[in-house]
Each structure stands twice: as C-alpha cells, then as structure tokens.
C-alpha atoms as a PDB file:
ATOM      1  CA  MET A   1     103.418 166.108 136.638  1.00  0.00           C
ATOM      2  CA  ARG A   2     101.056 163.345 137.146  1.00  0.00           C
ATOM      3  CA  LYS A   3     102.390 161.364 134.217  1.00  0.00           C
ATOM      4  CA  ILE A   4     105.966 161.877 135.726  1.00  0.00           C
ATOM      5  CA  VAL A   5     105.084 160.810 139.100  1.00  0.00           C
ATOM      6  CA  GLY A   6     103.222 157.984 137.852  1.00  0.00           C
ATOM      7  CA  ARG A   7     106.318 156.569 136.307  1.00  0.00           C
ATOM      8  CA  LEU A   8     108.393 157.280 139.260  1.00  0.00           C
ATOM      9  CA  GLY A   9     107.290 154.599 141.535  1.00  0.00           C
ATOM     10  CA  LEU A  10     105.856 154.439 145.140  1.00  0.00           C
ATOM     11  CA  GLY A  11     109.302 155.437 146.824  1.00  0.00           C
ATOM     12  CA  ALA A  12     109.933 158.371 144.663  1.00  0.00           C
ATOM     13  CA  MET A  13     106.288 159.377 145.202  1.00  0.00           C
ATOM     14  CA  VAL A  14     107.067 159.515 148.803  1.00  0.00           C
ATOM     15  CA  ALA A  15     110.163 161.406 148.535  1.00  0.00           C
ATOM     16  CA  LEU A  16     108.358 163.857 146.288  1.00  0.00           C
ATOM     17  CA  ALA A  17     105.206 164.371 147.889  1.00  0.00           C
ATOM     18  CA  PRO A  18     105.755 167.197 150.382  1.00  0.00           C
ATOM     19  CA  MET A  19     107.768 169.079 147.786  1.00  0.00           C
ATOM     20  CA  ILE A  20     105.115 168.883 144.987  1.00  0.00           C
ATOM     21  CA  VAL A  21     102.509 170.043 147.436  1.00  0.00           C
ATOM     22  CA  HIS A  22     104.153 173.082 148.186  1.00  0.00           C
ATOM     23  CA  ALA A  23     105.719 173.894 144.569  1.00  0.00           C
ATOM     24  CA  GLU A  24     102.164 173.269 142.702  1.00  0.00           C
ATOM     25  CA  GLY A  25      99.951 174.192 145.607  1.00  0.00           C
ATOM     26  CA  LEU A  26     102.261 177.091 146.637  1.00  0.00           C
ATOM     27  CA  LYS A  27     101.072 176.660 150.358  1.00  0.00           C
ATOM     28  CA  LEU A  28     103.779 178.679 151.845  1.00  0.00           C
ATOM     29  CA  SER A  29     101.844 180.291 154.694  1.00  0.00           C
ATOM     30  CA  GLY A  30     103.241 180.617 158.359  1.00  0.00           C
ATOM     31  CA  ALA A  31     106.876 181.997 157.217  1.00  0.00           C
ATOM     32  CA  SER A  32     108.223 185.363 156.215  1.00  0.00           C
ATOM     33  CA  SER A  33     107.970 186.665 152.538  1.00  0.00           C
ATOM     34  CA  LYS A  34     111.605 186.261 152.285  1.00  0.00           C
ATOM     35  CA  SER A  35     111.645 182.792 153.648  1.00  0.00           C
ATOM     36  CA  ARG A  36     108.540 181.745 151.496  1.00  0.00           C
ATOM     37  CA  ALA A  37     110.427 183.015 148.529  1.00  0.00           C
ATOM     38  CA  MET A  38     113.834 181.014 149.303  1.00  0.00           C
ATOM     39  CA  LEU A  39     111.587 177.744 150.170  1.00  0.00           C
ATOM     40  CA  PHE A  40     109.673 178.238 146.837  1.00  0.00           C
ATOM     41  CA  ARG A  41     113.066 178.372 144.983  1.00  0.00           C
ATOM     42  CA  ASN A  42     114.523 175.557 146.936  1.00  0.00           C
ATOM     43  CA  GLN A  43     111.579 173.424 146.421  1.00  0.00           C
ATOM     44  CA  THR A  44     111.106 173.903 142.589  1.00  0.00           C
ATOM     45  CA  ASN A  45     114.978 173.459 141.847  1.00  0.00           C
ATOM     46  CA  ILE A  46     114.822 170.034 143.808  1.00  0.00           C
ATOM     47  CA  LEU A  47     111.794 169.123 141.366  1.00  0.00           C
ATOM     48  CA  ASP A  48     113.397 170.588 138.370  1.00  0.00           C
ATOM     49  CA  THR A  49     116.482 168.462 138.968  1.00  0.00           C
ATOM     50  CA  ARG A  50     114.790 165.072 139.758  1.00  0.00           C
ATOM     51  CA  ALA A  51     112.482 165.668 136.734  1.00  0.00           C
ATOM     52  CA  ALA A  52     115.339 166.339 134.473  1.00  0.00           C
ATOM     53  CA  GLN A  53     116.984 163.176 135.743  1.00  0.00           C
ATOM     54  CA  GLN A  54     113.992 161.018 134.857  1.00  0.00           C
ATOM     55  CA  TYR A  55     113.704 162.613 131.431  1.00  0.00           C
ATOM     56  CA  GLU A  56     117.398 162.251 130.622  1.00  0.00           C
ATOM     57  CA  HIS A  57     117.400 158.495 129.456  1.00  0.00           C
ATOM     58  CA  SER A  58     113.696 157.786 128.770  1.00  0.00           C
ATOM     59  CA  SER A  59     112.037 159.217 125.512  1.00  0.00           C
ATOM     60  CA  ARG A  60     109.083 157.755 127.035  1.00  0.00           C
ATOM     61  CA  LEU A  61     108.839 160.183 129.641  1.00  0.00           C
ATOM     62  CA  LYS A  62     109.785 163.337 127.661  1.00  0.00           C
ATOM     63  CA  PRO A  63     106.696 165.551 126.747  1.00  0.00           C
ATOM     64  CA  GLY A  64     105.598 165.216 123.131  1.00  0.00           C
ATOM     65  CA  ALA A  65     102.734 166.567 121.131  1.00  0.00           C
ATOM     66  CA  LYS A  66     100.462 163.632 121.813  1.00  0.00           C
ATOM     67  CA  SER A  67     101.030 163.307 125.443  1.00  0.00           C
ATOM     68  CA  LEU A  68     100.940 167.057 126.326  1.00  0.00           C
ATOM     69  CA  ALA A  69      97.580 167.586 124.354  1.00  0.00           C
ATOM     70  CA  GLY A  70      95.928 164.282 124.743  1.00  0.00           C
ATOM     71  CA  LEU A  71      94.107 164.998 121.476  1.00  0.00           C
ATOM     72  CA  GLU A  72      95.850 165.602 117.972  1.00  0.00           C
ATOM     73  CA  PRO A  73      99.284 166.737 117.725  1.00  0.00           C
ATOM     74  CA  GLU A  74      99.677 170.652 117.647  1.00  0.00           C
ATOM     75  CA  THR A  75     102.603 171.961 115.701  1.00  0.00           C
ATOM     76  CA  VAL A  76     104.204 174.643 117.818  1.00  0.00           C
ATOM     77  CA  PRO A  77     107.100 176.948 116.102  1.00  0.00           C
ATOM     78  CA  SER A  78     110.469 176.350 117.787  1.00  0.00           C
ATOM     79  CA  TYR A  79     111.736 179.165 120.329  1.00  0.00           C
ATOM     80  CA  SER A  80     114.233 181.296 118.396  1.00  0.00           C
ATOM     81  CA  GLY A  81     114.787 184.117 120.764  1.00  0.00           C
ATOM     82  CA  LYS A  82     118.434 185.438 121.724  1.00  0.00           C
ATOM     83  CA  TYR A  83     117.652 185.440 125.484  1.00  0.00           C
ATOM     84  CA  ARG A  84     119.672 182.734 127.174  1.00  0.00           C
ATOM     85  CA  GLY A  85     119.800 184.080 130.726  1.00  0.00           C
ATOM     86  CA  GLN A  86     119.063 182.836 134.042  1.00  0.00           C
ATOM     87  CA  TYR A  87     115.293 182.824 133.827  1.00  0.00           C
ATOM     88  CA  LEU A  88     115.292 180.335 130.654  1.00  0.00           C
ATOM     89  CA  GLY A  89     115.867 177.153 132.604  1.00  0.00           C
ATOM     90  CA  THR A  90     113.027 178.208 135.030  1.00  0.00           C
ATOM     91  CA  ALA A  91     110.713 178.709 132.421  1.00  0.00           C
ATOM     92  CA  LYS A  92     111.705 175.284 130.644  1.00  0.00           C
ATOM     93  CA  ALA A  93     111.233 173.860 134.216  1.00  0.00           C
ATOM     94  CA  ALA A  94     107.593 175.546 134.796  1.00  0.00           C
ATOM     95  CA  ALA A  95     106.307 174.509 131.282  1.00  0.00           C
ATOM     96  CA  ALA A  96     107.633 170.673 131.854  1.00  0.00           C
ATOM     97  CA  ARG A  97     105.852 170.585 135.413  1.00  0.00           C
ATOM     98  CA  HIS A  98     102.561 171.713 133.835  1.00  0.00           C
ATOM     99  CA  ASN A  99     103.091 169.706 130.538  1.00  0.00           C
ATOM    100  CA  ILE A 100     103.110 172.678 128.369  1.00  0.00           C
ATOM    101  CA  PRO A 101     105.119 172.197 125.001  1.00  0.00           C
ATOM    102  CA  GLU A 102     108.257 174.006 125.959  1.00  0.00           C
ATOM    103  CA  ASP A 103     108.888 176.359 122.909  1.00  0.00           C
ATOM    104  CA  LEU A 104     105.311 177.649 123.244  1.00  0.00           C
ATOM    105  CA  PHE A 105     105.730 178.657 126.853  1.00  0.00           C
ATOM    106  CA  LEU A 106     109.280 180.463 126.159  1.00  0.00           C
ATOM    107  CA  ARG A 107     107.624 182.013 122.986  1.00  0.00           C
ATOM    108  CA  LEU A 108     104.960 183.444 125.095  1.00  0.00           C
ATOM    109  CA  VAL A 109     107.331 184.766 127.885  1.00  0.00           C
ATOM    110  CA  GLN A 110     109.397 186.473 124.924  1.00  0.00           C
ATOM    111  CA  GLN A 111     106.222 188.199 123.787  1.00  0.00           C
ATOM    112  CA  GLU A 112     104.723 189.235 127.201  1.00  0.00           C
ATOM    113  CA  SER A 113     107.969 190.596 128.855  1.00  0.00           C
ATOM    114  CA  GLY A 114     111.136 190.259 126.690  1.00  0.00           C
ATOM    115  CA  TRP A 115     112.309 188.441 129.367  1.00  0.00           C
ATOM    116  CA  ASN A 116     112.244 191.538 131.592  1.00  0.00           C
ATOM    117  CA  PRO A 117     111.280 190.419 135.298  1.00  0.00           C
ATOM    118  CA  ASN A 118     110.204 194.092 136.074  1.00  0.00           C
ATOM    119  CA  ALA A 119     108.039 194.510 132.955  1.00  0.00           C
ATOM    120  CA  ARG A 120     104.614 196.147 133.829  1.00  0.00           C
ATOM    121  CA  SER A 121     101.909 196.750 131.506  1.00  0.00           C
ATOM    122  CA  HIS A 122      99.606 199.797 131.208  1.00  0.00           C
ATOM    123  CA  LYS A 123      96.897 197.616 132.603  1.00  0.00           C
ATOM    124  CA  GLY A 124      98.963 196.428 135.628  1.00  0.00           C
ATOM    125  CA  ALA A 125     100.073 192.994 134.437  1.00  0.00           C
ATOM    126  CA  MET A 126     103.361 192.008 135.944  1.00  0.00           C
ATOM    127  CA  GLY A 127     106.695 190.314 135.591  1.00  0.00           C
ATOM    128  CA  LEU A 128     107.982 187.713 133.184  1.00  0.00           C
ATOM    129  CA  ALA A 129     104.723 186.074 132.184  1.00  0.00           C
ATOM    130  CA  GLN A 130     102.698 189.443 132.658  1.00  0.00           C
ATOM    131  CA  LEU A 131     100.391 188.258 135.537  1.00  0.00           C
ATOM    132  CA  MET A 132      97.558 190.395 136.611  1.00  0.00           C
ATOM    133  CA  PRO A 133      97.530 191.052 140.642  1.00  0.00           C
ATOM    134  CA  ALA A 134      94.073 189.381 140.817  1.00  0.00           C
ATOM    135  CA  THR A 135      94.965 186.441 138.801  1.00  0.00           C
ATOM    136  CA  ALA A 136      98.268 185.901 140.696  1.00  0.00           C
ATOM    137  CA  ALA A 137      96.309 186.142 143.913  1.00  0.00           C
ATOM    138  CA  LYS A 138      94.017 183.553 142.745  1.00  0.00           C
ATOM    139  CA  LEU A 139      96.916 181.143 141.780  1.00  0.00           C
ATOM    140  CA  GLY A 140      98.680 181.799 145.326  1.00  0.00           C
ATOM    141  CA  VAL A 141     102.132 183.178 143.771  1.00  0.00           C
ATOM    142  CA  ASN A 142     103.911 186.581 144.013  1.00  0.00           C
ATOM    143  CA  PRO A 143     104.038 188.054 140.601  1.00  0.00           C
ATOM    144  CA  ARG A 144     107.034 190.174 141.660  1.00  0.00           C
ATOM    145  CA  ASP A 145     109.103 186.921 142.192  1.00  0.00           C
ATOM    146  CA  PRO A 146     110.442 185.704 138.894  1.00  0.00           C
ATOM    147  CA  ALA A 147     110.073 181.845 139.675  1.00  0.00           C
ATOM    148  CA  GLN A 148     106.718 182.414 141.128  1.00  0.00           C
ATOM    149  CA  ASN A 149     105.630 184.549 138.243  1.00  0.00           C
ATOM    150  CA  LEU A 150     106.742 181.977 135.720  1.00  0.00           C
ATOM    151  CA  GLU A 151     104.840 179.341 137.812  1.00  0.00           C
ATOM    152  CA  GLY A 152     101.812 180.976 137.898  1.00  0.00           C
ATOM    153  CA  GLY A 153     101.898 182.146 134.028  1.00  0.00           C
ATOM    154  CA  ALA A 154     102.640 178.172 133.186  1.00  0.00           C
ATOM    155  CA  ARG A 155      99.721 177.092 135.380  1.00  0.00           C
ATOM    156  CA  TYR A 156      97.344 179.542 134.121  1.00  0.00           C
ATOM    157  CA  LEU A 157      98.286 178.851 130.564  1.00  0.00           C
ATOM    158  CA  ARG A 158      97.522 175.124 131.463  1.00  0.00           C
ATOM    159  CA  MET A 159      94.358 175.826 133.162  1.00  0.00           C
ATOM    160  CA  MET A 160      93.116 177.624 129.758  1.00  0.00           C
ATOM    161  CA  TYR A 161      94.254 174.677 127.689  1.00  0.00           C
ATOM    162  CA  ASP A 162      92.372 172.246 129.971  1.00  0.00           C
ATOM    163  CA  ARG A 163      89.278 174.609 129.425  1.00  0.00           C
ATOM    164  CA  PHE A 164      89.400 175.151 125.519  1.00  0.00           C
ATOM    165  CA  GLY A 165      91.270 172.139 124.472  1.00  0.00           C
ATOM    166  CA  SER A 166      93.625 173.941 122.212  1.00  0.00           C
ATOM    167  CA  TRP A 167      96.817 175.866 122.484  1.00  0.00           C
ATOM    168  CA  ARG A 168      95.685 178.347 120.200  1.00  0.00           C
ATOM    169  CA  LEU A 169      92.669 178.713 122.130  1.00  0.00           C
ATOM    170  CA  ALA A 170      94.624 178.834 125.332  1.00  0.00           C
ATOM    171  CA  LEU A 171      96.906 181.796 124.110  1.00  0.00           C
ATOM    172  CA  ALA A 172      93.955 183.701 123.124  1.00  0.00           C
ATOM    173  CA  ALA A 173      92.465 183.271 126.682  1.00  0.00           C
ATOM    174  CA  TYR A 174      95.613 184.015 128.280  1.00  0.00           C
ATOM    175  CA  ASN A 175      95.450 187.300 126.303  1.00  0.00           C
ATOM    176  CA  ALA A 176      92.025 188.401 126.308  1.00  0.00           C
ATOM    177  CA  GLY A 177      90.439 186.284 129.019  1.00  0.00           C
ATOM    178  CA  PRO A 178      88.581 182.992 129.081  1.00  0.00           C
ATOM    179  CA  GLU A 179      85.172 184.497 128.766  1.00  0.00           C
ATOM    180  CA  ALA A 180      86.094 186.451 125.581  1.00  0.00           C
ATOM    181  CA  VAL A 181      87.000 183.146 124.093  1.00  0.00           C
ATOM    182  CA  ALA A 182      83.874 181.664 125.178  1.00  0.00           C
ATOM    183  CA  LYS A 183      81.839 184.409 123.977  1.00  0.00           C
ATOM    184  CA  HIS A 184      83.344 184.610 120.592  1.00  0.00           C
ATOM    185  CA  ASN A 185      83.561 180.649 120.408  1.00  0.00           C
ATOM    186  CA  GLY A 186      87.158 181.038 119.365  1.00  0.00           C
ATOM    187  CA  VAL A 187      89.662 183.752 118.857  1.00  0.00           C
ATOM    188  CA  PRO A 188      88.066 186.849 119.717  1.00  0.00           C
ATOM    189  CA  PRO A 189      88.316 189.478 116.880  1.00  0.00           C
ATOM    190  CA  TYR A 190      90.484 191.920 118.595  1.00  0.00           C
ATOM    191  CA  ARG A 191      93.592 192.862 116.812  1.00  0.00           C
ATOM    192  CA  GLU A 192      95.716 192.735 119.720  1.00  0.00           C
ATOM    193  CA  THR A 193      94.630 189.079 120.470  1.00  0.00           C
ATOM    194  CA  ARG A 194      94.898 187.831 116.985  1.00  0.00           C
ATOM    195  CA  ASN A 195      98.380 189.275 116.653  1.00  0.00           C
ATOM    196  CA  TYR A 196      99.365 187.851 119.836  1.00  0.00           C
ATOM    197  CA  VAL A 197      98.431 184.266 119.093  1.00  0.00           C
ATOM    198  CA  ARG A 198     100.060 184.697 115.399  1.00  0.00           C
ATOM    199  CA  VAL A 199     103.185 185.813 116.989  1.00  0.00           C
ATOM    200  CA  ILE A 200     103.257 182.966 119.580  1.00  0.00           C
ATOM    201  CA  TYR A 201     101.361 180.245 117.830  1.00  0.00           C
ATOM    202  CA  GLY A 202     102.239 181.113 114.273  1.00  0.00           C
ATOM    203  CA  SER A 203      98.869 181.132 112.934  1.00  0.00           C
END
C-alpha cells in the first residue's frame, strides 16, 4: 500500500487518506455491527477499484517478486484452483493491499477453507482465512465477515513475512504460530505444518 500511495501523488493521497485509515486500521467504532460491515465493504471496494486503475497501465506499479519481498525473488506456484466465485476478487485485492504474491494468498485460502466462508476448524479457526478468534480480535476484524476475514488473513500473513523475511516461513508461522518458527529456527518439524507449507509453497 505504501508503494502504491507513494506513486499516486499528493492529491490522490489526500483523497484516499480517510479510506486507508478505515480499511487498514479497521477503525469502525461508533456504528452498529451492520453499518460497520457495510462501511468496511464500501471502503475496501473503493480502494480496490482505485488501486486496480493505477495498476492497469503501469507494470512499474504491479506487485512483482522483488518489490514484494524486498529481498531475493521467491518462486510461488500459480493458483490452479477451480473456485471462481465472489470471494476470489476480494482475496486478490487483500493480497495487493498487503503486498503479498497473489497466487500465494489464493493458494492459502484454498488450503485453509476451500473457499467456504462458514468453515470452522476443530480448534476454533473461522472463515475463509481460518482466523482464530483471538487473532481476529487483535487485528480488529470480524472473522464472520468474509471480506474482513480475508483482510485479517492477508494482514497477518504479511506480519509473519515481515518478521521472518521468507514467504515459506511466513506460511509456517501462519499455521503453527510464530513462536514455533522462532523456536525451531525454521519450519517446525510438525507433519501438519510441513505438509501445509509444501502444498501452498511447493517445497
């Protein structure tokens, strides 16, 4: 988001500023749950449309491996899922907002929930990105709202990448928790986590 805004110019920054505060910070207090959800969707839709317009004619602004990672490029397998429903565009937009390789995030959602917004794990993880209630609360999102669930998942994945500097380790932290990755100084030796990383990342 910083890279996009940095290239939009002062006028566009002023126009977008109120919406960025709401969409990224999710500061939606002072309204009913229904109106907060509607406000969230309206603002993210506006941001998504404006970002797409900026990307359309400029390859310089399109997320690429080097600009995303800030380090060496990482090869991410393409998303090959059959799902083409209403949440696909929302997931793509969330990935773009948080500078995540699009295919990586789509593969994560496919693995986490199979694109079922009502999915719930035996551990209590909820929704498309399978957010734990405590994590969703810290992120300030409603895990029952599909758009906010995807926003929270993308933001959390980006936080894990910023901490560990690798999408492979970010995925491991998303699945097993950051402390497990830190403890083992890499992908934890858990069968579930190693399979999770292999399925999404390819190795």
